[in-house]
Amino acid sequence: MLDWVLRARNNAPEDVLVGIGTARLATTHHSMTTSESRARAQIIRAMDSMIHDMITDYTAANEVDPATAIAFQEQITRSLAQAHLSGVCVVEQNSDREGACCTVVYFSGGRKYE
């Protein structure tokens, strides 16, 4: 992995999720766009896992009926799906000598990073 990618990941604040995406396509523009999409998708997968864990904990702790748990899950999923893309910030994006592009993104509830 590129040194700058490792630095961006290792130097991320504690309160952020880090997404890293790579792509090597026909053009630099497509490579950059795709690598950013893949980095965002990594954030989404991390959030989906967190949501699943929250639902499991909520269901176990409250012993609610299955219909209530499903409605709760759908509500949280919709809310986070609307919020997570707008809060993702590209912190590093570059390409290597072979033309592969790598993008590092941070997400932390709308906080901006530069």
PDB file of N, CA and C in Angstrom:
ATOM      1  N   MET A   1       0.848  -1.185   0.000  1.00  0.00           N
ATOM      2  CA  MET A   1       0.000   0.000   0.000  1.00  0.00           C
ATOM      3  C   MET A   1       0.886   1.237   0.000  1.00  0.00           C
ATOM      4  N   LEU A   2       0.435   2.277  -0.640  1.00  0.00           N
ATOM      5  CA  LEU A   2       1.205   3.510  -0.730  1.00  0.00           C
ATOM      6  C   LEU A   2       1.395   4.142   0.647  1.00  0.00           C
ATOM      7  N   ASP A   3       2.568   4.732   0.858  1.00  0.00           N
ATOM      8  CA  ASP A   3       2.875   5.348   2.154  1.00  0.00           C
ATOM      9  C   ASP A   3       1.859   6.407   2.557  1.00  0.00           C
ATOM     10  N   TRP A   4       1.447   7.265   1.607  1.00  0.00           N
ATOM     11  CA  TRP A   4       0.504   8.338   1.950  1.00  0.00           C
ATOM     12  C   TRP A   4      -0.855   7.779   2.352  1.00  0.00           C
ATOM     13  N   VAL A   5      -1.225   6.614   1.801  1.00  0.00           N
ATOM     14  CA  VAL A   5      -2.487   5.985   2.186  1.00  0.00           C
ATOM     15  C   VAL A   5      -2.393   5.483   3.619  1.00  0.00           C
ATOM     16  N   LEU A   6      -1.280   4.838   3.931  1.00  0.00           N
ATOM     17  CA  LEU A   6      -1.075   4.348   5.303  1.00  0.00           C
ATOM     18  C   LEU A   6      -1.066   5.500   6.297  1.00  0.00           C
ATOM     19  N   ARG A   7      -0.400   6.600   5.941  1.00  0.00           N
ATOM     20  CA  ARG A   7      -0.380   7.764   6.844  1.00  0.00           C
ATOM     21  C   ARG A   7      -1.788   8.315   7.058  1.00  0.00           C
ATOM     22  N   ALA A   8      -2.548   8.445   5.982  1.00  0.00           N
ATOM     23  CA  ALA A   8      -3.919   8.968   6.109  1.00  0.00           C
ATOM     24  C   ALA A   8      -4.765   8.066   6.981  1.00  0.00           C
ATOM     25  N   ARG A   9      -4.612   6.762   6.824  1.00  0.00           N
ATOM     26  CA  ARG A   9      -5.380   5.821   7.640  1.00  0.00           C
ATOM     27  C   ARG A   9      -4.919   5.853   9.092  1.00  0.00           C
ATOM     28  N   ASN A  10      -3.607   5.812   9.308  1.00  0.00           N
ATOM     29  CA  ASN A  10      -3.080   5.757  10.670  1.00  0.00           C
ATOM     30  C   ASN A  10      -3.226   7.071  11.436  1.00  0.00           C
ATOM     31  N   ASN A  11      -3.281   8.186  10.723  1.00  0.00           N
ATOM     32  CA  ASN A  11      -3.400   9.497  11.372  1.00  0.00           C
ATOM     33  C   ASN A  11      -4.841   9.984  11.489  1.00  0.00           C
ATOM     34  N   ALA A  12      -5.775   9.150  11.144  1.00  0.00           N
ATOM     35  CA  ALA A  12      -7.184   9.542  11.223  1.00  0.00           C
ATOM     36  C   ALA A  12      -7.579   9.764  12.688  1.00  0.00           C
ATOM     37  N   PRO A  13      -8.386  10.777  12.930  1.00  0.00           N
ATOM     38  CA  PRO A  13      -8.896  10.987  14.285  1.00  0.00           C
ATOM     39  C   PRO A  13      -9.665   9.745  14.765  1.00  0.00           C
ATOM     40  N   GLU A  14      -9.725   9.567  16.066  1.00  0.00           N
ATOM     41  CA  GLU A  14     -10.372   8.383  16.635  1.00  0.00           C
ATOM     42  C   GLU A  14     -11.853   8.293  16.306  1.00  0.00           C
ATOM     43  N   ASP A  15     -12.490   9.430  16.092  1.00  0.00           N
ATOM     44  CA  ASP A  15     -13.943   9.445  15.921  1.00  0.00           C
ATOM     45  C   ASP A  15     -14.387   9.326  14.466  1.00  0.00           C
ATOM     46  N   VAL A  16     -13.528   8.839  13.583  1.00  0.00           N
ATOM     47  CA  VAL A  16     -13.912   8.718  12.178  1.00  0.00           C
ATOM     48  C   VAL A  16     -13.826   7.279  11.697  1.00  0.00           C
ATOM     49  N   LEU A  17     -14.639   7.004  10.690  1.00  0.00           N
ATOM     50  CA  LEU A  17     -14.489   5.766   9.929  1.00  0.00           C
ATOM     51  C   LEU A  17     -13.639   6.126   8.720  1.00  0.00           C
ATOM     52  N   VAL A  18     -12.738   5.230   8.341  1.00  0.00           N
ATOM     53  CA  VAL A  18     -11.858   5.474   7.209  1.00  0.00           C
ATOM     54  C   VAL A  18     -12.223   4.511   6.092  1.00  0.00           C
ATOM     55  N   GLY A  19     -12.367   5.057   4.887  1.00  0.00           N
ATOM     56  CA  GLY A  19     -12.614   4.233   3.711  1.00  0.00           C
ATOM     57  C   GLY A  19     -11.481   4.404   2.732  1.00  0.00           C
ATOM     58  N   ILE A  20     -11.018   3.307   2.150  1.00  0.00           N
ATOM     59  CA  ILE A  20      -9.947   3.345   1.160  1.00  0.00           C
ATOM     60  C   ILE A  20     -10.429   2.615  -0.083  1.00  0.00           C
ATOM     61  N   GLY A  21     -10.319   3.278  -1.217  1.00  0.00           N
ATOM     62  CA  GLY A  21     -10.736   2.667  -2.476  1.00  0.00           C
ATOM     63  C   GLY A  21      -9.648   2.801  -3.521  1.00  0.00           C
ATOM     64  N   THR A  22      -9.524   1.791  -4.364  1.00  0.00           N
ATOM     65  CA  THR A  22      -8.543   1.834  -5.453  1.00  0.00           C
ATOM     66  C   THR A  22      -9.221   1.467  -6.761  1.00  0.00           C
ATOM     67  N   ALA A  23      -8.640   1.961  -7.855  1.00  0.00           N
ATOM     68  CA  ALA A  23      -9.144   1.611  -9.183  1.00  0.00           C
ATOM     69  C   ALA A  23      -8.061   1.918 -10.213  1.00  0.00           C
ATOM     70  N   ARG A  24      -8.029   1.108 -11.231  1.00  0.00           N
ATOM     71  CA  ARG A  24      -7.138   1.348 -12.365  1.00  0.00           C
ATOM     72  C   ARG A  24      -7.941   1.074 -13.627  1.00  0.00           C
ATOM     73  N   LEU A  25      -8.438   2.148 -14.227  1.00  0.00           N
ATOM     74  CA  LEU A  25      -9.294   2.033 -15.398  1.00  0.00           C
ATOM     75  C   LEU A  25      -8.651   2.729 -16.588  1.00  0.00           C
ATOM     76  N   ALA A  26      -9.391   2.856 -17.669  1.00  0.00           N
ATOM     77  CA  ALA A  26      -8.854   3.392 -18.924  1.00  0.00           C
ATOM     78  C   ALA A  26      -8.394   4.841 -18.811  1.00  0.00           C
ATOM     79  N   THR A  27      -9.099   5.655 -18.017  1.00  0.00           N
ATOM     80  CA  THR A  27      -8.723   7.062 -17.885  1.00  0.00           C
ATOM     81  C   THR A  27      -8.504   7.419 -16.421  1.00  0.00           C
ATOM     82  N   THR A  28      -7.727   8.470 -16.203  1.00  0.00           N
ATOM     83  CA  THR A  28      -7.472   8.935 -14.838  1.00  0.00           C
ATOM     84  C   THR A  28      -8.770   9.372 -14.173  1.00  0.00           C
ATOM     85  N   HIS A  29      -9.618  10.067 -14.913  1.00  0.00           N
ATOM     86  CA  HIS A  29     -10.891  10.529 -14.358  1.00  0.00           C
ATOM     87  C   HIS A  29     -11.739   9.347 -13.870  1.00  0.00           C
ATOM     88  N   HIS A  30     -11.875   8.325 -14.686  1.00  0.00           N
ATOM     89  CA  HIS A  30     -12.666   7.161 -14.280  1.00  0.00           C
ATOM     90  C   HIS A  30     -12.023   6.436 -13.099  1.00  0.00           C
ATOM     91  N   SER A  31     -10.706   6.373 -13.095  1.00  0.00           N
ATOM     92  CA  SER A  31     -10.009   5.735 -11.975  1.00  0.00           C
ATOM     93  C   SER A  31     -10.267   6.487 -10.677  1.00  0.00           C
ATOM     94  N   MET A  32     -10.182   7.818 -10.717  1.00  0.00           N
ATOM     95  CA  MET A  32     -10.405   8.619  -9.510  1.00  0.00           C
ATOM     96  C   MET A  32     -11.849   8.516  -9.031  1.00  0.00           C
ATOM     97  N   THR A  33     -12.782   8.624  -9.965  1.00  0.00           N
ATOM     98  CA  THR A  33     -14.197   8.530  -9.603  1.00  0.00           C
ATOM     99  C   THR A  33     -14.525   7.168  -9.003  1.00  0.00           C
ATOM    100  N   THR A  34     -14.018   6.120  -9.613  1.00  0.00           N
ATOM    101  CA  THR A  34     -14.291   4.766  -9.122  1.00  0.00           C
ATOM    102  C   THR A  34     -13.613   4.511  -7.787  1.00  0.00           C
ATOM    103  N   SER A  35     -12.381   4.987  -7.621  1.00  0.00           N
ATOM    104  CA  SER A  35     -11.709   4.775  -6.336  1.00  0.00           C
ATOM    105  C   SER A  35     -12.440   5.501  -5.210  1.00  0.00           C
ATOM    106  N   GLU A  36     -12.971   6.692  -5.501  1.00  0.00           N
ATOM    107  CA  GLU A  36     -13.753   7.409  -4.480  1.00  0.00           C
ATOM    108  C   GLU A  36     -15.033   6.655  -4.154  1.00  0.00           C
ATOM    109  N   SER A  37     -15.710   6.145  -5.167  1.00  0.00           N
ATOM    110  CA  SER A  37     -16.935   5.365  -4.933  1.00  0.00           C
ATOM    111  C   SER A  37     -16.646   4.128  -4.092  1.00  0.00           C
ATOM    112  N   ARG A  38     -15.530   3.484  -4.359  1.00  0.00           N
ATOM    113  CA  ARG A  38     -15.162   2.288  -3.589  1.00  0.00           C
ATOM    114  C   ARG A  38     -14.805   2.637  -2.147  1.00  0.00           C
ATOM    115  N   ALA A  39     -14.166   3.777  -1.935  1.00  0.00           N
ATOM    116  CA  ALA A  39     -13.854   4.209  -0.569  1.00  0.00           C
ATOM    117  C   ALA A  39     -15.144   4.508   0.195  1.00  0.00           C
ATOM    118  N   ARG A  40     -16.090   5.172  -0.476  1.00  0.00           N
ATOM    119  CA  ARG A  40     -17.391   5.454   0.151  1.00  0.00           C
ATOM    120  C   ARG A  40     -18.133   4.149   0.448  1.00  0.00           C
ATOM    121  N   ALA A  41     -18.041   3.190  -0.459  1.00  0.00           N
ATOM    122  CA  ALA A  41     -18.707   1.899  -0.247  1.00  0.00           C
ATOM    123  C   ALA A  41     -18.129   1.182   0.973  1.00  0.00           C
ATOM    124  N   GLN A  42     -16.833   1.344   1.204  1.00  0.00           N
ATOM    125  CA  GLN A  42     -16.219   0.734   2.387  1.00  0.00           C
ATOM    126  C   GLN A  42     -16.791   1.353   3.663  1.00  0.00           C
ATOM    127  N   ILE A  43     -17.020   2.660   3.644  1.00  0.00           N
ATOM    128  CA  ILE A  43     -17.648   3.333   4.790  1.00  0.00           C
ATOM    129  C   ILE A  43     -19.066   2.788   4.991  1.00  0.00           C
ATOM    130  N   ILE A  44     -19.807   2.645   3.899  1.00  0.00           N
ATOM    131  CA  ILE A  44     -21.176   2.137   3.975  1.00  0.00           C
ATOM    132  C   ILE A  44     -21.205   0.739   4.579  1.00  0.00           C
ATOM    133  N   ARG A  45     -20.288  -0.121   4.148  1.00  0.00           N
ATOM    134  CA  ARG A  45     -20.236  -1.483   4.706  1.00  0.00           C
ATOM    135  C   ARG A  45     -19.941  -1.455   6.201  1.00  0.00           C
ATOM    136  N   ALA A  46     -19.039  -0.573   6.623  1.00  0.00           N
ATOM    137  CA  ALA A  46     -18.733  -0.455   8.052  1.00  0.00           C
ATOM    138  C   ALA A  46     -19.956   0.013   8.829  1.00  0.00           C
ATOM    139  N   MET A  47     -20.681   0.980   8.264  1.00  0.00           N
ATOM    140  CA  MET A  47     -21.880   1.480   8.933  1.00  0.00           C
ATOM    141  C   MET A  47     -22.971   0.414   8.979  1.00  0.00           C
ATOM    142  N   ASP A  48     -23.124  -0.347   7.896  1.00  0.00           N
ATOM    143  CA  ASP A  48     -24.116  -1.423   7.885  1.00  0.00           C
ATOM    144  C   ASP A  48     -23.837  -2.431   8.991  1.00  0.00           C
ATOM    145  N   SER A  49     -22.558  -2.742   9.176  1.00  0.00           N
ATOM    146  CA  SER A  49     -22.173  -3.676  10.240  1.00  0.00           C
ATOM    147  C   SER A  49     -22.506  -3.099  11.613  1.00  0.00           C
ATOM    148  N   MET A  50     -22.238  -1.807  11.794  1.00  0.00           N
ATOM    149  CA  MET A  50     -22.556  -1.158  13.069  1.00  0.00           C
ATOM    150  C   MET A  50     -24.058  -1.146  13.314  1.00  0.00           C
ATOM    151  N   ILE A  51     -24.836  -0.870  12.273  1.00  0.00           N
ATOM    152  CA  ILE A  51     -26.292  -0.867  12.397  1.00  0.00           C
ATOM    153  C   ILE A  51     -26.789  -2.245  12.796  1.00  0.00           C
ATOM    154  N   HIS A  52     -26.272  -3.266  12.134  1.00  0.00           N
ATOM    155  CA  HIS A  52     -26.693  -4.637  12.450  1.00  0.00           C
ATOM    156  C   HIS A  52     -26.409  -4.957  13.921  1.00  0.00           C
ATOM    157  N   ASP A  53     -25.224  -4.585  14.398  1.00  0.00           N
ATOM    158  CA  ASP A  53     -24.881  -4.826  15.799  1.00  0.00           C
ATOM    159  C   ASP A  53     -25.800  -4.053  16.743  1.00  0.00           C
ATOM    160  N   MET A  54     -26.141  -2.803  16.382  1.00  0.00           N
ATOM    161  CA  MET A  54     -27.048  -2.011  17.212  1.00  0.00           C
ATOM    162  C   MET A  54     -28.427  -2.661  17.287  1.00  0.00           C
ATOM    163  N   ILE A  55     -28.909  -3.156  16.150  1.00  0.00           N
ATOM    164  CA  ILE A  55     -30.227  -3.791  16.106  1.00  0.00           C
ATOM    165  C   ILE A  55     -30.226  -5.054  16.953  1.00  0.00           C
ATOM    166  N   THR A  56     -29.184  -5.836  16.823  1.00  0.00           N
ATOM    167  CA  THR A  56     -29.079  -7.080  17.608  1.00  0.00           C
ATOM    168  C   THR A  56     -29.086  -6.758  19.097  1.00  0.00           C
ATOM    169  N   ASP A  57     -28.284  -5.767  19.501  1.00  0.00           N
ATOM    170  CA  ASP A  57     -28.236  -5.379  20.910  1.00  0.00           C
ATOM    171  C   ASP A  57     -29.582  -4.836  21.383  1.00  0.00           C
ATOM    172  N   TYR A  58     -30.211  -3.997  20.573  1.00  0.00           N
ATOM    173  CA  TYR A  58     -31.505  -3.416  20.927  1.00  0.00           C
ATOM    174  C   TYR A  58     -32.557  -4.510  21.096  1.00  0.00           C
ATOM    175  N   THR A  59     -32.586  -5.437  20.162  1.00  0.00           N
ATOM    176  CA  THR A  59     -33.577  -6.507  20.208  1.00  0.00           C
ATOM    177  C   THR A  59     -33.365  -7.391  21.437  1.00  0.00           C
ATOM    178  N   ALA A  60     -32.124  -7.736  21.714  1.00  0.00           N
ATOM    179  CA  ALA A  60     -31.827  -8.599  22.860  1.00  0.00           C
ATOM    180  C   ALA A  60     -32.132  -7.901  24.182  1.00  0.00           C
ATOM    181  N   ALA A  61     -31.794  -6.632  24.268  1.00  0.00           N
ATOM    182  CA  ALA A  61     -31.974  -5.913  25.524  1.00  0.00           C
ATOM    183  C   ALA A  61     -33.438  -5.626  25.833  1.00  0.00           C
ATOM    184  N   ASN A  62     -34.228  -5.388  24.811  1.00  0.00           N
ATOM    185  CA  ASN A  62     -35.606  -4.978  25.043  1.00  0.00           C
ATOM    186  C   ASN A  62     -36.632  -6.089  24.860  1.00  0.00           C
ATOM    187  N   GLU A  63     -36.205  -7.204  24.350  1.00  0.00           N
ATOM    188  CA  GLU A  63     -37.101  -8.332  24.103  1.00  0.00           C
ATOM    189  C   GLU A  63     -38.384  -7.873  23.406  1.00  0.00           C
ATOM    190  N   VAL A  64     -38.218  -7.044  22.394  1.00  0.00           N
ATOM    191  CA  VAL A  64     -39.364  -6.556  21.637  1.00  0.00           C
ATOM    192  C   VAL A  64     -39.834  -7.618  20.667  1.00  0.00           C
ATOM    193  N   ASP A  65     -41.055  -7.428  20.158  1.00  0.00           N
ATOM    194  CA  ASP A  65     -41.539  -8.379  19.171  1.00  0.00           C
ATOM    195  C   ASP A  65     -40.812  -8.142  17.844  1.00  0.00           C
ATOM    196  N   PRO A  66     -40.716  -9.146  16.997  1.00  0.00           N
ATOM    197  CA  PRO A  66     -39.956  -9.036  15.754  1.00  0.00           C
ATOM    198  C   PRO A  66     -40.401  -7.891  14.844  1.00  0.00           C
ATOM    199  N   ALA A  67     -41.680  -7.601  14.787  1.00  0.00           N
ATOM    200  CA  ALA A  67     -42.168  -6.530  13.922  1.00  0.00           C
ATOM    201  C   ALA A  67     -41.627  -5.174  14.368  1.00  0.00           C
ATOM    202  N   THR A  68     -41.569  -4.952  15.673  1.00  0.00           N
ATOM    203  CA  THR A  68     -41.040  -3.699  16.206  1.00  0.00           C
ATOM    204  C   THR A  68     -39.558  -3.577  15.898  1.00  0.00           C
ATOM    205  N   ALA A  69     -38.824  -4.673  16.046  1.00  0.00           N
ATOM    206  CA  ALA A  69     -37.388  -4.662  15.761  1.00  0.00           C
ATOM    207  C   ALA A  69     -37.121  -4.355  14.290  1.00  0.00           C
ATOM    208  N   ILE A  70     -37.913  -4.903  13.393  1.00  0.00           N
ATOM    209  CA  ILE A  70     -37.748  -4.658  11.961  1.00  0.00           C
ATOM    210  C   ILE A  70     -38.038  -3.198  11.638  1.00  0.00           C
ATOM    211  N   ALA A  71     -39.099  -2.651  12.211  1.00  0.00           N
ATOM    212  CA  ALA A  71     -39.432  -1.246  11.973  1.00  0.00           C
ATOM    213  C   ALA A  71     -38.319  -0.337  12.490  1.00  0.00           C
ATOM    214  N   PHE A  72     -37.763  -0.666  13.651  1.00  0.00           N
ATOM    215  CA  PHE A  72     -36.667   0.097  14.228  1.00  0.00           C
ATOM    216  C   PHE A  72     -35.454   0.039  13.309  1.00  0.00           C
ATOM    217  N   GLN A  73     -35.151  -1.139  12.796  1.00  0.00           N
ATOM    218  CA  GLN A  73     -34.018  -1.320  11.893  1.00  0.00           C
ATOM    219  C   GLN A  73     -34.199  -0.496  10.614  1.00  0.00           C
ATOM    220  N   GLU A  74     -35.380  -0.532  10.041  1.00  0.00           N
ATOM    221  CA  GLU A  74     -35.636   0.222   8.816  1.00  0.00           C
ATOM    222  C   GLU A  74     -35.500   1.723   9.046  1.00  0.00           C
ATOM    223  N   GLN A  75     -35.990   2.198  10.191  1.00  0.00           N
ATOM    224  CA  GLN A  75     -35.906   3.618  10.504  1.00  0.00           C
ATOM    225  C   GLN A  75     -34.454   4.065  10.650  1.00  0.00           C
ATOM    226  N   ILE A  76     -33.647   3.318  11.374  1.00  0.00           N
ATOM    227  CA  ILE A  76     -32.238   3.663  11.554  1.00  0.00           C
ATOM    228  C   ILE A  76     -31.492   3.581  10.227  1.00  0.00           C
ATOM    229  N   THR A  77     -31.744   2.545   9.463  1.00  0.00           N
ATOM    230  CA  THR A  77     -31.070   2.380   8.176  1.00  0.00           C
ATOM    231  C   THR A  77     -31.372   3.541   7.242  1.00  0.00           C
ATOM    232  N   ARG A  78     -32.636   3.956   7.156  1.00  0.00           N
ATOM    233  CA  ARG A  78     -33.000   5.095   6.310  1.00  0.00           C
ATOM    234  C   ARG A  78     -32.313   6.372   6.773  1.00  0.00           C
ATOM    235  N   SER A  79     -32.322   6.617   8.070  1.00  0.00           N
ATOM    236  CA  SER A  79     -31.712   7.839   8.607  1.00  0.00           C
ATOM    237  C   SER A  79     -30.221   7.892   8.322  1.00  0.00           C
ATOM    238  N   LEU A  80     -29.534   6.789   8.551  1.00  0.00           N
ATOM    239  CA  LEU A  80     -28.093   6.769   8.318  1.00  0.00           C
ATOM    240  C   LEU A  80     -27.758   6.806   6.838  1.00  0.00           C
ATOM    241  N   ALA A  81     -28.569   6.171   6.008  1.00  0.00           N
ATOM    242  CA  ALA A  81     -28.320   6.180   4.566  1.00  0.00           C
ATOM    243  C   ALA A  81     -28.393   7.603   4.032  1.00  0.00           C
ATOM    244  N   GLN A  82     -29.293   8.418   4.569  1.00  0.00           N
ATOM    245  CA  GLN A  82     -29.403   9.804   4.124  1.00  0.00           C
ATOM    246  C   GLN A  82     -28.237  10.645   4.628  1.00  0.00           C
ATOM    247  N   ALA A  83     -27.721  10.309   5.803  1.00  0.00           N
ATOM    248  CA  ALA A  83     -26.676  11.123   6.417  1.00  0.00           C
ATOM    249  C   ALA A  83     -25.272  10.741   5.973  1.00  0.00           C
ATOM    250  N   HIS A  84     -25.017   9.480   5.737  1.00  0.00           N
ATOM    251  CA  HIS A  84     -23.630   9.053   5.581  1.00  0.00           C
ATOM    252  C   HIS A  84     -22.951   9.530   4.312  1.00  0.00           C
ATOM    253  N   LEU A  85     -23.642   9.666   3.225  1.00  0.00           N
ATOM    254  CA  LEU A  85     -22.980  10.129   2.014  1.00  0.00           C
ATOM    255  C   LEU A  85     -22.641  11.609   2.093  1.00  0.00           C
ATOM    256  N   SER A  86     -23.475  12.387   2.744  1.00  0.00           N
ATOM    257  CA  SER A  86     -23.188  13.815   2.835  1.00  0.00           C
ATOM    258  C   SER A  86     -22.077  14.114   3.829  1.00  0.00           C
ATOM    259  N   GLY A  87     -21.782  13.195   4.728  1.00  0.00           N
ATOM    260  CA  GLY A  87     -20.738  13.427   5.718  1.00  0.00           C
ATOM    261  C   GLY A  87     -19.391  12.843   5.357  1.00  0.00           C
ATOM    262  N   VAL A  88     -19.277  12.195   4.204  1.00  0.00           N
ATOM    263  CA  VAL A  88     -18.007  11.602   3.793  1.00  0.00           C
ATOM    264  C   VAL A  88     -17.158  12.675   3.135  1.00  0.00           C
ATOM    265  N   CYS A  89     -15.891  12.746   3.545  1.00  0.00           N
ATOM    266  CA  CYS A  89     -14.977  13.772   3.064  1.00  0.00           C
ATOM    267  C   CYS A  89     -13.723  13.115   2.498  1.00  0.00           C
ATOM    268  N   VAL A  90     -13.353  13.461   1.266  1.00  0.00           N
ATOM    269  CA  VAL A  90     -12.119  12.961   0.669  1.00  0.00           C
ATOM    270  C   VAL A  90     -10.948  13.685   1.321  1.00  0.00           C
ATOM    271  N   VAL A  91     -10.024  12.925   1.923  1.00  0.00           N
ATOM    272  CA  VAL A  91      -8.872  13.549   2.572  1.00  0.00           C
ATOM    273  C   VAL A  91      -7.592  13.376   1.761  1.00  0.00           C
ATOM    274  N   GLU A  92      -7.523  12.355   0.947  1.00  0.00           N
ATOM    275  CA  GLU A  92      -6.364  12.121   0.084  1.00  0.00           C
ATOM    276  C   GLU A  92      -6.829  11.415  -1.180  1.00  0.00           C
ATOM    277  N   GLN A  93      -6.252  11.815  -2.312  1.00  0.00           N
ATOM    278  CA  GLN A  93      -6.532  11.116  -3.569  1.00  0.00           C
ATOM    279  C   GLN A  93      -5.331  11.328  -4.489  1.00  0.00           C
ATOM    280  N   ASN A  94      -4.804  10.219  -5.002  1.00  0.00           N
ATOM    281  CA  ASN A  94      -3.633  10.306  -5.844  1.00  0.00           C
ATOM    282  C   ASN A  94      -3.526   9.026  -6.660  1.00  0.00           C
ATOM    283  N   SER A  95      -2.598   9.017  -7.616  1.00  0.00           N
ATOM    284  CA  SER A  95      -2.388   7.807  -8.399  1.00  0.00           C
ATOM    285  C   SER A  95      -0.926   7.417  -8.354  1.00  0.00           C
ATOM    286  N   ASP A  96      -0.673   6.132  -8.571  1.00  0.00           N
ATOM    287  CA  ASP A  96       0.704   5.645  -8.560  1.00  0.00           C
ATOM    288  C   ASP A  96       1.278   5.657  -9.979  1.00  0.00           C
ATOM    289  N   ARG A  97       2.491   5.189 -10.117  1.00  0.00           N
ATOM    290  CA  ARG A  97       3.177   5.213 -11.414  1.00  0.00           C
ATOM    291  C   ARG A  97       2.515   4.328 -12.460  1.00  0.00           C
ATOM    292  N   GLU A  98       1.817   3.306 -12.027  1.00  0.00           N
ATOM    293  CA  GLU A  98       1.146   2.392 -12.952  1.00  0.00           C
ATOM    294  C   GLU A  98      -0.237   2.883 -13.363  1.00  0.00           C
ATOM    295  N   GLY A  99      -0.687   4.001 -12.797  1.00  0.00           N
ATOM    296  CA  GLY A  99      -1.977   4.560 -13.156  1.00  0.00           C
ATOM    297  C   GLY A  99      -3.127   4.156 -12.256  1.00  0.00           C
ATOM    298  N   ALA A 100      -2.838   3.409 -11.202  1.00  0.00           N
ATOM    299  CA  ALA A 100      -3.894   3.044 -10.251  1.00  0.00           C
ATOM    300  C   ALA A 100      -4.142   4.230  -9.321  1.00  0.00           C
ATOM    301  N   CYS A 101      -5.391   4.562  -9.141  1.00  0.00           N
ATOM    302  CA  CYS A 101      -5.774   5.674  -8.282  1.00  0.00           C
ATOM    303  C   CYS A 101      -6.225   5.125  -6.931  1.00  0.00           C
ATOM    304  N   CYS A 102      -5.890   5.846  -5.879  1.00  0.00           N
ATOM    305  CA  CYS A 102      -6.304   5.465  -4.533  1.00  0.00           C
ATOM    306  C   CYS A 102      -6.915   6.689  -3.866  1.00  0.00           C
ATOM    307  N   THR A 103      -8.008   6.470  -3.167  1.00  0.00           N
ATOM    308  CA  THR A 103      -8.714   7.545  -2.476  1.00  0.00           C
ATOM    309  C   THR A 103      -8.931   7.148  -1.024  1.00  0.00           C
ATOM    310  N   VAL A 104      -8.694   8.081  -0.114  1.00  0.00           N
ATOM    311  CA  VAL A 104      -8.950   7.870   1.309  1.00  0.00           C
ATOM    312  C   VAL A 104     -10.032   8.860   1.718  1.00  0.00           C
ATOM    313  N   VAL A 105     -11.082   8.358   2.360  1.00  0.00           N
ATOM    314  CA  VAL A 105     -12.164   9.216   2.837  1.00  0.00           C
ATOM    315  C   VAL A 105     -12.365   9.009   4.330  1.00  0.00           C
ATOM    316  N   TYR A 106     -12.849  10.064   4.989  1.00  0.00           N
ATOM    317  CA  TYR A 106     -13.207  10.007   6.404  1.00  0.00           C
ATOM    318  C   TYR A 106     -14.699  10.264   6.523  1.00  0.00           C
ATOM    319  N   PHE A 107     -15.290   9.644   7.536  1.00  0.00           N
ATOM    320  CA  PHE A 107     -16.672   9.953   7.892  1.00  0.00           C
ATOM    321  C   PHE A 107     -16.795  10.091   9.397  1.00  0.00           C
ATOM    322  N   SER A 108     -17.396  11.197   9.810  1.00  0.00           N
ATOM    323  CA  SER A 108     -17.671  11.399  11.233  1.00  0.00           C
ATOM    324  C   SER A 108     -18.838  12.360  11.391  1.00  0.00           C
ATOM    325  N   GLY A 109     -20.016  11.902  11.048  1.00  0.00           N
ATOM    326  CA  GLY A 109     -21.237  12.654  11.279  1.00  0.00           C
ATOM    327  C   GLY A 109     -21.247  14.092  10.790  1.00  0.00           C
ATOM    328  N   GLY A 110     -20.643  14.360   9.656  1.00  0.00           N
ATOM    329  CA  GLY A 110     -20.700  15.685   9.082  1.00  0.00           C
ATOM    330  C   GLY A 110     -19.532  16.582   9.427  1.00  0.00           C
ATOM    331  N   ARG A 111     -18.636  16.156  10.313  1.00  0.00           N
ATOM    332  CA  ARG A 111     -17.442  16.950  10.641  1.00  0.00           C
ATOM    333  C   ARG A 111     -16.552  17.002   9.403  1.00  0.00           C
ATOM    334  N   LYS A 112     -16.000  18.156   9.091  1.00  0.00           N
ATOM    335  CA  LYS A 112     -15.179  18.325   7.890  1.00  0.00           C
ATOM    336  C   LYS A 112     -13.700  18.226   8.239  1.00  0.00           C
ATOM    337  N   TYR A 113     -12.941  17.592   7.358  1.00  0.00           N
ATOM    338  CA  TYR A 113     -11.500  17.421   7.517  1.00  0.00           C
ATOM    339  C   TYR A 113     -10.797  18.011   6.327  1.00  0.00           C
ATOM    340  N   GLU A 114      -9.633  18.590   6.557  1.00  0.00           N
ATOM    341  CA  GLU A 114      -8.854  19.160   5.459  1.00  0.00           C
ATOM    342  C   GLU A 114      -7.438  18.673   5.528  1.00  0.00           C
TER     343      GLU A 114
END
